[in-house]
Amino acid sequence: MIRAVTWETAHKDIEQQKSKKVVALKFKIAGVSYDKNRDNRGYFRDDAPPEIKALAKNLYDRTNPLWDKAMQYVNEPEFVYKIKQVSVQHGVQPRRAADGRERPRLTPNVSPREARTLGRE
């Protein structure tokens, strides 16, 4: 059965999995993020009118009424996020404290076979 992913269905699924004590998979996601506008040294974008670009000569003087319009042309950072690698963390399962709360596992990533033997100790 296929269902649309909404807040309500997601939370229903989460509650069902919690009641059945389903252990979720853990993922490790590695990537990069950078500012797309990092090489733009000007305060205003290139498409700003000349009278607005002239305001960049003295950024501390905000008395000019053009500043209200000029704020639309400010060269703001635009971050790009790229995922480089995704891996499943085998053998990393949440541990429960005596009161039922989840505790982080402190052992390193191990294979499923090693995880089974670790649980016996």
PDB file of N, CA and C in Angstrom:
ATOM      1  N   MET A   1       0.846  -1.173   0.000  1.00  0.00           N
ATOM      2  CA  MET A   1       0.000   0.000   0.000  1.00  0.00           C
ATOM      3  C   MET A   1       0.895   1.240   0.000  1.00  0.00           C
ATOM      4  N   ILE A   2       0.572   2.205  -0.831  1.00  0.00           N
ATOM      5  CA  ILE A   2       1.322   3.450  -0.921  1.00  0.00           C
ATOM      6  C   ILE A   2       0.475   4.561  -0.334  1.00  0.00           C
ATOM      7  N   ARG A   3       1.092   5.338   0.549  1.00  0.00           N
ATOM      8  CA  ARG A   3       0.381   6.469   1.153  1.00  0.00           C
ATOM      9  C   ARG A   3       1.185   7.737   0.941  1.00  0.00           C
ATOM     10  N   ALA A   4       0.469   8.840   0.870  1.00  0.00           N
ATOM     11  CA  ALA A   4       1.148  10.126   0.758  1.00  0.00           C
ATOM     12  C   ALA A   4       1.836  10.432   2.082  1.00  0.00           C
ATOM     13  N   VAL A   5       3.023  10.999   2.013  1.00  0.00           N
ATOM     14  CA  VAL A   5       3.761  11.328   3.219  1.00  0.00           C
ATOM     15  C   VAL A   5       3.308  12.699   3.694  1.00  0.00           C
ATOM     16  N   THR A   6       2.572  12.711   4.766  1.00  0.00           N
ATOM     17  CA  THR A   6       2.149  13.950   5.398  1.00  0.00           C
ATOM     18  C   THR A   6       2.581  13.890   6.851  1.00  0.00           C
ATOM     19  N   TRP A   7       2.429  14.993   7.545  1.00  0.00           N
ATOM     20  CA  TRP A   7       2.802  15.034   8.944  1.00  0.00           C
ATOM     21  C   TRP A   7       2.003  13.986   9.719  1.00  0.00           C
ATOM     22  N   GLU A   8       0.718  13.907   9.416  1.00  0.00           N
ATOM     23  CA  GLU A   8      -0.157  12.991  10.148  1.00  0.00           C
ATOM     24  C   GLU A   8       0.215  11.530   9.895  1.00  0.00           C
ATOM     25  N   THR A   9       0.392  11.140   8.624  1.00  0.00           N
ATOM     26  CA  THR A   9       0.728   9.740   8.343  1.00  0.00           C
ATOM     27  C   THR A   9       2.110   9.394   8.858  1.00  0.00           C
ATOM     28  N   ALA A  10       3.042  10.333   8.784  1.00  0.00           N
ATOM     29  CA  ALA A  10       4.385  10.069   9.295  1.00  0.00           C
ATOM     30  C   ALA A  10       4.342   9.802  10.796  1.00  0.00           C
ATOM     31  N   HIS A  11       3.586  10.605  11.518  1.00  0.00           N
ATOM     32  CA  HIS A  11       3.521  10.405  12.963  1.00  0.00           C
ATOM     33  C   HIS A  11       2.742   9.146  13.343  1.00  0.00           C
ATOM     34  N   LYS A  12       1.756   8.776  12.548  1.00  0.00           N
ATOM     35  CA  LYS A  12       1.063   7.508  12.790  1.00  0.00           C
ATOM     36  C   LYS A  12       2.025   6.337  12.591  1.00  0.00           C
ATOM     37  N   ASP A  13       2.814   6.401  11.514  1.00  0.00           N
ATOM     38  CA  ASP A  13       3.790   5.341  11.252  1.00  0.00           C
ATOM     39  C   ASP A  13       4.832   5.266  12.362  1.00  0.00           C
ATOM     40  N   ILE A  14       5.268   6.420  12.828  1.00  0.00           N
ATOM     41  CA  ILE A  14       6.266   6.445  13.912  1.00  0.00           C
ATOM     42  C   ILE A  14       5.692   5.814  15.167  1.00  0.00           C
ATOM     43  N   GLU A  15       4.471   6.158  15.498  1.00  0.00           N
ATOM     44  CA  GLU A  15       3.833   5.583  16.693  1.00  0.00           C
ATOM     45  C   GLU A  15       3.659   4.073  16.563  1.00  0.00           C
ATOM     46  N   GLN A  16       3.272   3.603  15.363  1.00  0.00           N
ATOM     47  CA  GLN A  16       3.129   2.160  15.151  1.00  0.00           C
ATOM     48  C   GLN A  16       4.468   1.458  15.316  1.00  0.00           C
ATOM     49  N   GLN A  17       5.520   2.051  14.764  1.00  0.00           N
ATOM     50  CA  GLN A  17       6.842   1.435  14.875  1.00  0.00           C
ATOM     51  C   GLN A  17       7.330   1.439  16.313  1.00  0.00           C
ATOM     52  N   LYS A  18       7.054   2.512  17.046  1.00  0.00           N
ATOM     53  CA  LYS A  18       7.455   2.562  18.452  1.00  0.00           C
ATOM     54  C   LYS A  18       6.727   1.500  19.262  1.00  0.00           C
ATOM     55  N   SER A  19       5.438   1.326  18.986  1.00  0.00           N
ATOM     56  CA  SER A  19       4.675   0.333  19.744  1.00  0.00           C
ATOM     57  C   SER A  19       5.151  -1.086  19.452  1.00  0.00           C
ATOM     58  N   LYS A  20       5.655  -1.329  18.238  1.00  0.00           N
ATOM     59  CA  LYS A  20       6.173  -2.642  17.873  1.00  0.00           C
ATOM     60  C   LYS A  20       7.660  -2.780  18.211  1.00  0.00           C
ATOM     61  N   LYS A  21       8.248  -1.702  18.750  1.00  0.00           N
ATOM     62  CA  LYS A  21       9.674  -1.664  19.126  1.00  0.00           C
ATOM     63  C   LYS A  21      10.582  -1.959  17.935  1.00  0.00           C
ATOM     64  N   VAL A  22      10.247  -1.372  16.799  1.00  0.00           N
ATOM     65  CA  VAL A  22      11.058  -1.519  15.593  1.00  0.00           C
ATOM     66  C   VAL A  22      12.305  -0.652  15.758  1.00  0.00           C
ATOM     67  N   VAL A  23      13.464  -1.223  15.482  1.00  0.00           N
ATOM     68  CA  VAL A  23      14.717  -0.487  15.566  1.00  0.00           C
ATOM     69  C   VAL A  23      14.981   0.161  14.211  1.00  0.00           C
ATOM     70  N   ALA A  24      15.130   1.464  14.220  1.00  0.00           N
ATOM     71  CA  ALA A  24      15.346   2.207  12.977  1.00  0.00           C
ATOM     72  C   ALA A  24      16.800   2.085  12.513  1.00  0.00           C
ATOM     73  N   LEU A  25      16.994   2.166  11.216  1.00  0.00           N
ATOM     74  CA  LEU A  25      18.341   2.174  10.665  1.00  0.00           C
ATOM     75  C   LEU A  25      18.988   3.520  10.931  1.00  0.00           C
ATOM     76  N   LYS A  26      20.277   3.523  11.170  1.00  0.00           N
ATOM     77  CA  LYS A  26      21.032   4.752  11.363  1.00  0.00           C
ATOM     78  C   LYS A  26      21.831   5.008  10.094  1.00  0.00           C
ATOM     79  N   PHE A  27      21.847   6.252   9.645  1.00  0.00           N
ATOM     80  CA  PHE A  27      22.569   6.622   8.437  1.00  0.00           C
ATOM     81  C   PHE A  27      23.661   7.618   8.767  1.00  0.00           C
ATOM     82  N   LYS A  28      24.749   7.534   8.022  1.00  0.00           N
ATOM     83  CA  LYS A  28      25.821   8.523   8.108  1.00  0.00           C
ATOM     84  C   LYS A  28      25.821   9.258   6.781  1.00  0.00           C
ATOM     85  N   ILE A  29      25.655  10.571   6.826  1.00  0.00           N
ATOM     86  CA  ILE A  29      25.584  11.380   5.612  1.00  0.00           C
ATOM     87  C   ILE A  29      26.758  12.345   5.615  1.00  0.00           C
ATOM     88  N   ALA A  30      27.545  12.302   4.553  1.00  0.00           N
ATOM     89  CA  ALA A  30      28.693  13.199   4.416  1.00  0.00           C
ATOM     90  C   ALA A  30      28.479  14.068   3.194  1.00  0.00           C
ATOM     91  N   GLY A  31      28.808  15.324   3.333  1.00  0.00           N
ATOM     92  CA  GLY A  31      28.617  16.227   2.207  1.00  0.00           C
ATOM     93  C   GLY A  31      29.395  17.512   2.399  1.00  0.00           C
ATOM     94  N   VAL A  32      29.125  18.443   1.527  1.00  0.00           N
ATOM     95  CA  VAL A  32      29.772  19.747   1.588  1.00  0.00           C
ATOM     96  C   VAL A  32      28.706  20.832   1.474  1.00  0.00           C
ATOM     97  N   SER A  33      29.033  21.984   2.017  1.00  0.00           N
ATOM     98  CA  SER A  33      28.194  23.163   1.840  1.00  0.00           C
ATOM     99  C   SER A  33      29.118  24.344   1.604  1.00  0.00           C
ATOM    100  N   TYR A  34      28.690  25.236   0.743  1.00  0.00           N
ATOM    101  CA  TYR A  34      29.498  26.418   0.473  1.00  0.00           C
ATOM    102  C   TYR A  34      28.588  27.550   0.022  1.00  0.00           C
ATOM    103  N   ASP A  35      29.109  28.769   0.127  1.00  0.00           N
ATOM    104  CA  ASP A  35      28.390  29.962  -0.280  1.00  0.00           C
ATOM    105  C   ASP A  35      28.616  30.173  -1.770  1.00  0.00           C
ATOM    106  N   LYS A  36      27.540  30.159  -2.530  1.00  0.00           N
ATOM    107  CA  LYS A  36      27.624  30.336  -3.980  1.00  0.00           C
ATOM    108  C   LYS A  36      28.121  31.740  -4.346  1.00  0.00           C
ATOM    109  N   ASN A  37      27.893  32.705  -3.472  1.00  0.00           N
ATOM    110  CA  ASN A  37      28.293  34.087  -3.730  1.00  0.00           C
ATOM    111  C   ASN A  37      29.594  34.467  -3.025  1.00  0.00           C
ATOM    112  N   ARG A  38      30.418  33.505  -2.676  1.00  0.00           N
ATOM    113  CA  ARG A  38      31.626  33.809  -1.908  1.00  0.00           C
ATOM    114  C   ARG A  38      32.635  34.649  -2.681  1.00  0.00           C
ATOM    115  N   ASP A  39      32.616  34.591  -4.010  1.00  0.00           N
ATOM    116  CA  ASP A  39      33.572  35.361  -4.800  1.00  0.00           C
ATOM    117  C   ASP A  39      33.075  36.760  -5.143  1.00  0.00           C
ATOM    118  N   ASN A  40      31.817  37.052  -4.857  1.00  0.00           N
ATOM    119  CA  ASN A  40      31.275  38.378  -5.132  1.00  0.00           C
ATOM    120  C   ASN A  40      31.689  39.319  -4.013  1.00  0.00           C
ATOM    121  N   ARG A  41      32.569  40.254  -4.314  1.00  0.00           N
ATOM    122  CA  ARG A  41      33.119  41.141  -3.299  1.00  0.00           C
ATOM    123  C   ARG A  41      32.273  42.393  -3.093  1.00  0.00           C
ATOM    124  N   GLY A  42      31.419  42.732  -4.029  1.00  0.00           N
ATOM    125  CA  GLY A  42      30.615  43.934  -3.895  1.00  0.00           C
ATOM    126  C   GLY A  42      29.492  43.755  -2.885  1.00  0.00           C
ATOM    127  N   TYR A  43      29.043  44.863  -2.298  1.00  0.00           N
ATOM    128  CA  TYR A  43      27.968  44.803  -1.325  1.00  0.00           C
ATOM    129  C   TYR A  43      26.625  44.560  -1.999  1.00  0.00           C
ATOM    130  N   PHE A  44      26.482  45.106  -3.216  1.00  0.00           N
ATOM    131  CA  PHE A  44      25.236  44.947  -3.961  1.00  0.00           C
ATOM    132  C   PHE A  44      25.446  44.025  -5.152  1.00  0.00           C
ATOM    133  N   ARG A  45      24.345  43.395  -5.607  1.00  0.00           N
ATOM    134  CA  ARG A  45      24.402  42.512  -6.762  1.00  0.00           C
ATOM    135  C   ARG A  45      24.728  43.309  -8.020  1.00  0.00           C
ATOM    136  N   ASP A  46      25.104  42.606  -9.078  1.00  0.00           N
ATOM    137  CA  ASP A  46      25.467  43.259 -10.336  1.00  0.00           C
ATOM    138  C   ASP A  46      24.271  43.915 -11.017  1.00  0.00           C
ATOM    139  N   ASP A  47      23.069  43.408 -10.774  1.00  0.00           N
ATOM    140  CA  ASP A  47      21.894  43.970 -11.440  1.00  0.00           C
ATOM    141  C   ASP A  47      21.323  45.199 -10.726  1.00  0.00           C
ATOM    142  N   ALA A  48      21.993  45.695  -9.698  1.00  0.00           N
ATOM    143  CA  ALA A  48      21.522  46.883  -8.978  1.00  0.00           C
ATOM    144  C   ALA A  48      21.735  48.134  -9.837  1.00  0.00           C
ATOM    145  N   PRO A  49      20.805  49.096  -9.749  1.00  0.00           N
ATOM    146  CA  PRO A  49      20.975  50.361 -10.494  1.00  0.00           C
ATOM    147  C   PRO A  49      22.206  51.120  -9.999  1.00  0.00           C
ATOM    148  N   PRO A  50      22.777  51.960 -10.843  1.00  0.00           N
ATOM    149  CA  PRO A  50      23.999  52.700 -10.470  1.00  0.00           C
ATOM    150  C   PRO A  50      23.825  53.572  -9.231  1.00  0.00           C
ATOM    151  N   GLU A  51      22.644  54.192  -9.061  1.00  0.00           N
ATOM    152  CA  GLU A  51      22.458  55.052  -7.884  1.00  0.00           C
ATOM    153  C   GLU A  51      22.473  54.242  -6.593  1.00  0.00           C
ATOM    154  N   ILE A  52      22.085  52.983  -6.672  1.00  0.00           N
ATOM    155  CA  ILE A  52      22.135  52.130  -5.483  1.00  0.00           C
ATOM    156  C   ILE A  52      23.557  51.614  -5.266  1.00  0.00           C
ATOM    157  N   LYS A  53      24.264  51.304  -6.340  1.00  0.00           N
ATOM    158  CA  LYS A  53      25.662  50.873  -6.203  1.00  0.00           C
ATOM    159  C   LYS A  53      26.519  51.979  -5.600  1.00  0.00           C
ATOM    160  N   ALA A  54      26.143  53.244  -5.841  1.00  0.00           N
ATOM    161  CA  ALA A  54      26.893  54.374  -5.284  1.00  0.00           C
ATOM    162  C   ALA A  54      26.800  54.406  -3.758  1.00  0.00           C
ATOM    163  N   LEU A  55      25.756  53.838  -3.199  1.00  0.00           N
ATOM    164  CA  LEU A  55      25.608  53.796  -1.739  1.00  0.00           C
ATOM    165  C   LEU A  55      26.676  52.931  -1.076  1.00  0.00           C
ATOM    166  N   ALA A  56      27.283  52.040  -1.827  1.00  0.00           N
ATOM    167  CA  ALA A  56      28.296  51.137  -1.267  1.00  0.00           C
ATOM    168  C   ALA A  56      29.588  51.872  -0.916  1.00  0.00           C
ATOM    169  N   LYS A  57      29.750  53.103  -1.373  1.00  0.00           N
ATOM    170  CA  LYS A  57      30.969  53.868  -1.052  1.00  0.00           C
ATOM    171  C   LYS A  57      31.039  54.201   0.437  1.00  0.00           C
ATOM    172  N   ASN A  58      29.877  54.411   1.063  1.00  0.00           N
ATOM    173  CA  ASN A  58      29.846  54.691   2.494  1.00  0.00           C
ATOM    174  C   ASN A  58      28.698  53.887   3.111  1.00  0.00           C
ATOM    175  N   LEU A  59      28.989  52.680   3.521  1.00  0.00           N
ATOM    176  CA  LEU A  59      27.963  51.788   4.051  1.00  0.00           C
ATOM    177  C   LEU A  59      27.461  52.211   5.430  1.00  0.00           C
ATOM    178  N   TYR A  60      28.197  53.063   6.114  1.00  0.00           N
ATOM    179  CA  TYR A  60      27.803  53.474   7.458  1.00  0.00           C
ATOM    180  C   TYR A  60      26.817  54.637   7.452  1.00  0.00           C
ATOM    181  N   ASP A  61      26.643  55.301   6.313  1.00  0.00           N
ATOM    182  CA  ASP A  61      25.707  56.414   6.208  1.00  0.00           C
ATOM    183  C   ASP A  61      24.392  55.891   5.643  1.00  0.00           C
ATOM    184  N   ARG A  62      23.444  55.618   6.511  1.00  0.00           N
ATOM    185  CA  ARG A  62      22.154  55.059   6.099  1.00  0.00           C
ATOM    186  C   ARG A  62      21.055  56.122   6.077  1.00  0.00           C
ATOM    187  N   THR A  63      21.425  57.395   5.925  1.00  0.00           N
ATOM    188  CA  THR A  63      20.425  58.461   5.939  1.00  0.00           C
ATOM    189  C   THR A  63      19.749  58.651   4.588  1.00  0.00           C
ATOM    190  N   ASN A  64      20.321  58.134   3.529  1.00  0.00           N
ATOM    191  CA  ASN A  64      19.740  58.275   2.199  1.00  0.00           C
ATOM    192  C   ASN A  64      18.451  57.455   2.118  1.00  0.00           C
ATOM    193  N   PRO A  65      17.346  58.059   1.626  1.00  0.00           N
ATOM    194  CA  PRO A  65      16.088  57.309   1.524  1.00  0.00           C
ATOM    195  C   PRO A  65      16.138  56.147   0.531  1.00  0.00           C
ATOM    196  N   LEU A  66      17.166  56.087  -0.315  1.00  0.00           N
ATOM    197  CA  LEU A  66      17.297  54.980  -1.262  1.00  0.00           C
ATOM    198  C   LEU A  66      17.625  53.659  -0.576  1.00  0.00           C
ATOM    199  N   TRP A  67      18.064  53.704   0.681  1.00  0.00           N
ATOM    200  CA  TRP A  67      18.457  52.483   1.370  1.00  0.00           C
ATOM    201  C   TRP A  67      17.304  51.495   1.502  1.00  0.00           C
ATOM    202  N   ASP A  68      16.076  51.986   1.602  1.00  0.00           N
ATOM    203  CA  ASP A  68      14.933  51.067   1.674  1.00  0.00           C
ATOM    204  C   ASP A  68      14.848  50.213   0.418  1.00  0.00           C
ATOM    205  N   LYS A  69      15.045  50.854  -0.720  1.00  0.00           N
ATOM    206  CA  LYS A  69      15.016  50.129  -1.993  1.00  0.00           C
ATOM    207  C   LYS A  69      16.304  49.324  -2.191  1.00  0.00           C
ATOM    208  N   ALA A  70      17.406  49.844  -1.684  1.00  0.00           N
ATOM    209  CA  ALA A  70      18.713  49.212  -1.881  1.00  0.00           C
ATOM    210  C   ALA A  70      18.814  47.865  -1.179  1.00  0.00           C
ATOM    211  N   MET A  71      18.071  47.675  -0.099  1.00  0.00           N
ATOM    212  CA  MET A  71      18.157  46.419   0.643  1.00  0.00           C
ATOM    213  C   MET A  71      17.680  45.230  -0.187  1.00  0.00           C
ATOM    214  N   GLN A  72      16.928  45.479  -1.260  1.00  0.00           N
ATOM    215  CA  GLN A  72      16.508  44.399  -2.162  1.00  0.00           C
ATOM    216  C   GLN A  72      17.675  43.870  -2.979  1.00  0.00           C
ATOM    217  N   TYR A  73      18.715  44.685  -3.141  1.00  0.00           N
ATOM    218  CA  TYR A  73      19.841  44.345  -4.008  1.00  0.00           C
ATOM    219  C   TYR A  73      21.090  43.912  -3.232  1.00  0.00           C
ATOM    220  N   VAL A  74      20.981  43.715  -1.929  1.00  0.00           N
ATOM    221  CA  VAL A  74      22.146  43.306  -1.134  1.00  0.00           C
ATOM    222  C   VAL A  74      22.585  41.920  -1.581  1.00  0.00           C
ATOM    223  N   ASN A  75      23.882  41.749  -1.709  1.00  0.00           N
ATOM    224  CA  ASN A  75      24.474  40.484  -2.141  1.00  0.00           C
ATOM    225  C   ASN A  75      24.535  39.544  -0.941  1.00  0.00           C
ATOM    226  N   GLU A  76      23.454  38.781  -0.708  1.00  0.00           N
ATOM    227  CA  GLU A  76      23.369  37.887   0.438  1.00  0.00           C
ATOM    228  C   GLU A  76      23.993  36.532   0.117  1.00  0.00           C
ATOM    229  N   PRO A  77      24.449  35.808   1.141  1.00  0.00           N
ATOM    230  CA  PRO A  77      24.996  34.478   0.891  1.00  0.00           C
ATOM    231  C   PRO A  77      23.900  33.530   0.419  1.00  0.00           C
ATOM    232  N   GLU A  78      24.260  32.678  -0.511  1.00  0.00           N
ATOM    233  CA  GLU A  78      23.341  31.655  -1.012  1.00  0.00           C
ATOM    234  C   GLU A  78      24.060  30.319  -0.880  1.00  0.00           C
ATOM    235  N   PHE A  79      23.662  29.551   0.118  1.00  0.00           N
ATOM    236  CA  PHE A  79      24.375  28.316   0.414  1.00  0.00           C
ATOM    237  C   PHE A  79      23.879  27.168  -0.455  1.00  0.00           C
ATOM    238  N   VAL A  80      24.839  26.352  -0.882  1.00  0.00           N
ATOM    239  CA  VAL A  80      24.575  25.160  -1.679  1.00  0.00           C
ATOM    240  C   VAL A  80      25.002  23.969  -0.829  1.00  0.00           C
ATOM    241  N   TYR A  81      24.130  22.984  -0.746  1.00  0.00           N
ATOM    242  CA  TYR A  81      24.414  21.769   0.015  1.00  0.00           C
ATOM    243  C   TYR A  81      24.435  20.588  -0.949  1.00  0.00           C
ATOM    244  N   LYS A  82      25.523  19.816  -0.906  1.00  0.00           N
ATOM    245  CA  LYS A  82      25.656  18.645  -1.764  1.00  0.00           C
ATOM    246  C   LYS A  82      25.992  17.434  -0.909  1.00  0.00           C
ATOM    247  N   ILE A  83      25.251  16.363  -1.131  1.00  0.00           N
ATOM    248  CA  ILE A  83      25.517  15.114  -0.425  1.00  0.00           C
ATOM    249  C   ILE A  83      26.514  14.316  -1.252  1.00  0.00           C
ATOM    250  N   LYS A  84      27.621  13.949  -0.623  1.00  0.00           N
ATOM    251  CA  LYS A  84      28.670  13.204  -1.315  1.00  0.00           C
ATOM    252  C   LYS A  84      28.567  11.699  -1.061  1.00  0.00           C
ATOM    253  N   GLN A  85      28.153  11.317   0.149  1.00  0.00           N
ATOM    254  CA  GLN A  85      28.137   9.897   0.484  1.00  0.00           C
ATOM    255  C   GLN A  85      27.087   9.634   1.561  1.00  0.00           C
ATOM    256  N   VAL A  86      26.378   8.541   1.418  1.00  0.00           N
ATOM    257  CA  VAL A  86      25.411   8.089   2.417  1.00  0.00           C
ATOM    258  C   VAL A  86      25.708   6.625   2.698  1.00  0.00           C
ATOM    259  N   SER A  87      25.783   6.276   3.974  1.00  0.00           N
ATOM    260  CA  SER A  87      26.017   4.876   4.318  1.00  0.00           C
ATOM    261  C   SER A  87      25.139   4.494   5.496  1.00  0.00           C
ATOM    262  N   VAL A  88      24.793   3.214   5.539  1.00  0.00           N
ATOM    263  CA  VAL A  88      24.000   2.670   6.635  1.00  0.00           C
ATOM    264  C   VAL A  88      24.964   2.240   7.728  1.00  0.00           C
ATOM    265  N   GLN A  89      24.665   2.644   8.949  1.00  0.00           N
ATOM    266  CA  GLN A  89      25.503   2.292  10.090  1.00  0.00           C
ATOM    267  C   GLN A  89      25.034   0.944  10.628  1.00  0.00           C
ATOM    268  N   HIS A  90      25.692  -0.152  10.215  1.00  0.00           N
ATOM    269  CA  HIS A  90      25.309  -1.486  10.658  1.00  0.00           C
ATOM    270  C   HIS A  90      25.705  -1.687  12.106  1.00  0.00           C
ATOM    271  N   GLY A  91      24.848  -2.334  12.838  1.00  0.00           N
ATOM    272  CA  GLY A  91      25.171  -2.679  14.218  1.00  0.00           C
ATOM    273  C   GLY A  91      25.004  -1.549  15.202  1.00  0.00           C
ATOM    274  N   VAL A  92      24.589  -0.377  14.765  1.00  0.00           N
ATOM    275  CA  VAL A  92      24.394   0.733  15.678  1.00  0.00           C
ATOM    276  C   VAL A  92      22.909   0.779  15.997  1.00  0.00           C
ATOM    277  N   GLN A  93      22.570   0.348  17.177  1.00  0.00           N
ATOM    278  CA  GLN A  93      21.180   0.321  17.596  1.00  0.00           C
ATOM    279  C   GLN A  93      21.042   1.137  18.866  1.00  0.00           C
ATOM    280  N   PRO A  94      19.913   1.772  19.035  1.00  0.00           N
ATOM    281  CA  PRO A  94      19.736   2.554  20.261  1.00  0.00           C
ATOM    282  C   PRO A  94      19.649   1.627  21.470  1.00  0.00           C
ATOM    283  N   ARG A  95      20.277   2.028  22.538  1.00  0.00           N
ATOM    284  CA  ARG A  95      20.198   1.271  23.781  1.00  0.00           C
ATOM    285  C   ARG A  95      19.222   1.982  24.693  1.00  0.00           C
ATOM    286  N   ARG A  96      18.526   1.219  25.467  1.00  0.00           N
ATOM    287  CA  ARG A  96      17.514   1.785  26.352  1.00  0.00           C
ATOM    288  C   ARG A  96      18.015   1.766  27.796  1.00  0.00           C
ATOM    289  N   ALA A  97      17.742   2.850  28.493  1.00  0.00           N
ATOM    290  CA  ALA A  97      18.049   2.910  29.920  1.00  0.00           C
ATOM    291  C   ALA A  97      16.949   2.165  30.671  1.00  0.00           C
ATOM    292  N   ALA A  98      17.107   2.032  31.962  1.00  0.00           N
ATOM    293  CA  ALA A  98      16.123   1.311  32.765  1.00  0.00           C
ATOM    294  C   ALA A  98      14.746   1.965  32.696  1.00  0.00           C
ATOM    295  N   ASP A  99      14.722   3.282  32.524  1.00  0.00           N
ATOM    296  CA  ASP A  99      13.429   3.970  32.457  1.00  0.00           C
ATOM    297  C   ASP A  99      12.854   4.005  31.048  1.00  0.00           C
ATOM    298  N   GLY A 100      13.481   3.326  30.084  1.00  0.00           N
ATOM    299  CA  GLY A 100      12.943   3.235  28.724  1.00  0.00           C
ATOM    300  C   GLY A 100      13.452   4.298  27.768  1.00  0.00           C
ATOM    301  N   ARG A 101      14.212   5.267  28.275  1.00  0.00           N
ATOM    302  CA  ARG A 101      14.735   6.302  27.384  1.00  0.00           C
ATOM    303  C   ARG A 101      15.915   5.769  26.580  1.00  0.00           C
ATOM    304  N   GLU A 102      16.093   6.329  25.387  1.00  0.00           N
ATOM    305  CA  GLU A 102      17.168   5.875  24.505  1.00  0.00           C
ATOM    306  C   GLU A 102      18.491   6.496  24.937  1.00  0.00           C
ATOM    307  N   ARG A 103      19.549   5.672  24.960  1.00  0.00           N
ATOM    308  CA  ARG A 103      20.888   6.163  25.253  1.00  0.00           C
ATOM    309  C   ARG A 103      21.748   5.958  24.017  1.00  0.00           C
ATOM    310  N   PRO A 104      22.697   6.853  23.759  1.00  0.00           N
ATOM    311  CA  PRO A 104      23.556   6.663  22.589  1.00  0.00           C
ATOM    312  C   PRO A 104      24.509   5.490  22.792  1.00  0.00           C
ATOM    313  N   ARG A 105      24.787   4.798  21.716  1.00  0.00           N
ATOM    314  CA  ARG A 105      25.706   3.665  21.757  1.00  0.00           C
ATOM    315  C   ARG A 105      27.116   4.196  21.578  1.00  0.00           C
ATOM    316  N   LEU A 106      28.021   3.780  22.436  1.00  0.00           N
ATOM    317  CA  LEU A 106      29.373   4.309  22.411  1.00  0.00           C
ATOM    318  C   LEU A 106      30.359   3.431  21.664  1.00  0.00           C
ATOM    319  N   THR A 107      29.934   2.265  21.221  1.00  0.00           N
ATOM    320  CA  THR A 107      30.839   1.388  20.489  1.00  0.00           C
ATOM    321  C   THR A 107      30.966   1.860  19.049  1.00  0.00           C
ATOM    322  N   PRO A 108      32.093   1.602  18.405  1.00  0.00           N
ATOM    323  CA  PRO A 108      32.254   2.013  17.010  1.00  0.00           C
ATOM    324  C   PRO A 108      31.375   1.180  16.083  1.00  0.00           C
ATOM    325  N   ASN A 109      31.329   1.598  14.835  1.00  0.00           N
ATOM    326  CA  ASN A 109      30.554   0.849  13.840  1.00  0.00           C
ATOM    327  C   ASN A 109      31.124  -0.557  13.703  1.00  0.00           C
ATOM    328  N   VAL A 110      30.243  -1.535  13.792  1.00  0.00           N
ATOM    329  CA  VAL A 110      30.658  -2.928  13.672  1.00  0.00           C
ATOM    330  C   VAL A 110      29.741  -3.623  12.693  1.00  0.00           C
ATOM    331  N   SER A 111      30.159  -4.768  12.220  1.00  0.00           N
ATOM    332  CA  SER A 111      29.335  -5.532  11.295  1.00  0.00           C
ATOM    333  C   SER A 111      28.172  -6.155  12.062  1.00  0.00           C
ATOM    334  N   PRO A 112      27.121  -6.581  11.348  1.00  0.00           N
ATOM    335  CA  PRO A 112      25.992  -7.215  12.041  1.00  0.00           C
ATOM    336  C   PRO A 112      26.396  -8.460  12.828  1.00  0.00           C
ATOM    337  N   ARG A 113      27.355  -9.236  12.305  1.00  0.00           N
ATOM    338  CA  ARG A 113      27.817 -10.433  13.019  1.00  0.00           C
ATOM    339  C   ARG A 113      28.489 -10.034  14.335  1.00  0.00           C
ATOM    340  N   GLU A 114      29.352  -9.014  14.285  1.00  0.00           N
ATOM    341  CA  GLU A 114      30.010  -8.557  15.493  1.00  0.00           C
ATOM    342  C   GLU A 114      29.008  -7.958  16.484  1.00  0.00           C
ATOM    343  N   ALA A 115      27.969  -7.308  15.944  1.00  0.00           N
ATOM    344  CA  ALA A 115      26.953  -6.709  16.810  1.00  0.00           C
ATOM    345  C   ALA A 115      26.221  -7.785  17.599  1.00  0.00           C
ATOM    346  N   ARG A 116      25.965  -8.931  16.975  1.00  0.00           N
ATOM    347  CA  ARG A 116      25.289 -10.013  17.678  1.00  0.00           C
ATOM    348  C   ARG A 116      26.157 -10.543  18.814  1.00  0.00           C
ATOM    349  N   THR A 117      27.456 -10.658  18.566  1.00  0.00           N
ATOM    350  CA  THR A 117      28.333 -11.176  19.625  1.00  0.00           C
ATOM    351  C   THR A 117      28.533 -10.133  20.727  1.00  0.00           C
ATOM    352  N   LEU A 118      28.501  -8.847  20.394  1.00  0.00           N
ATOM    353  CA  LEU A 118      28.647  -7.822  21.418  1.00  0.00           C
ATOM    354  C   LEU A 118      27.472  -7.838  22.385  1.00  0.00           C
ATOM    355  N   GLY A 119      26.292  -8.141  21.881  1.00  0.00           N
ATOM    356  CA  GLY A 119      25.101  -8.170  22.738  1.00  0.00           C
ATOM    357  C   GLY A 119      25.121  -9.279  23.761  1.00  0.00           C
ATOM    358  N   ARG A 120      25.964 -10.301  23.573  1.00  0.00           N
ATOM    359  CA  ARG A 120      26.009 -11.453  24.476  1.00  0.00           C
ATOM    360  C   ARG A 120      26.918 -11.201  25.676  1.00  0.00           C
ATOM    361  N   GLU A 121      27.742 -10.182  25.601  1.00  0.00           N
ATOM    362  CA  GLU A 121      28.716  -9.933  26.686  1.00  0.00           C
ATOM    363  C   GLU A 121      28.056  -9.356  27.909  1.00  0.00           C
TER     364      GLU A 121
END
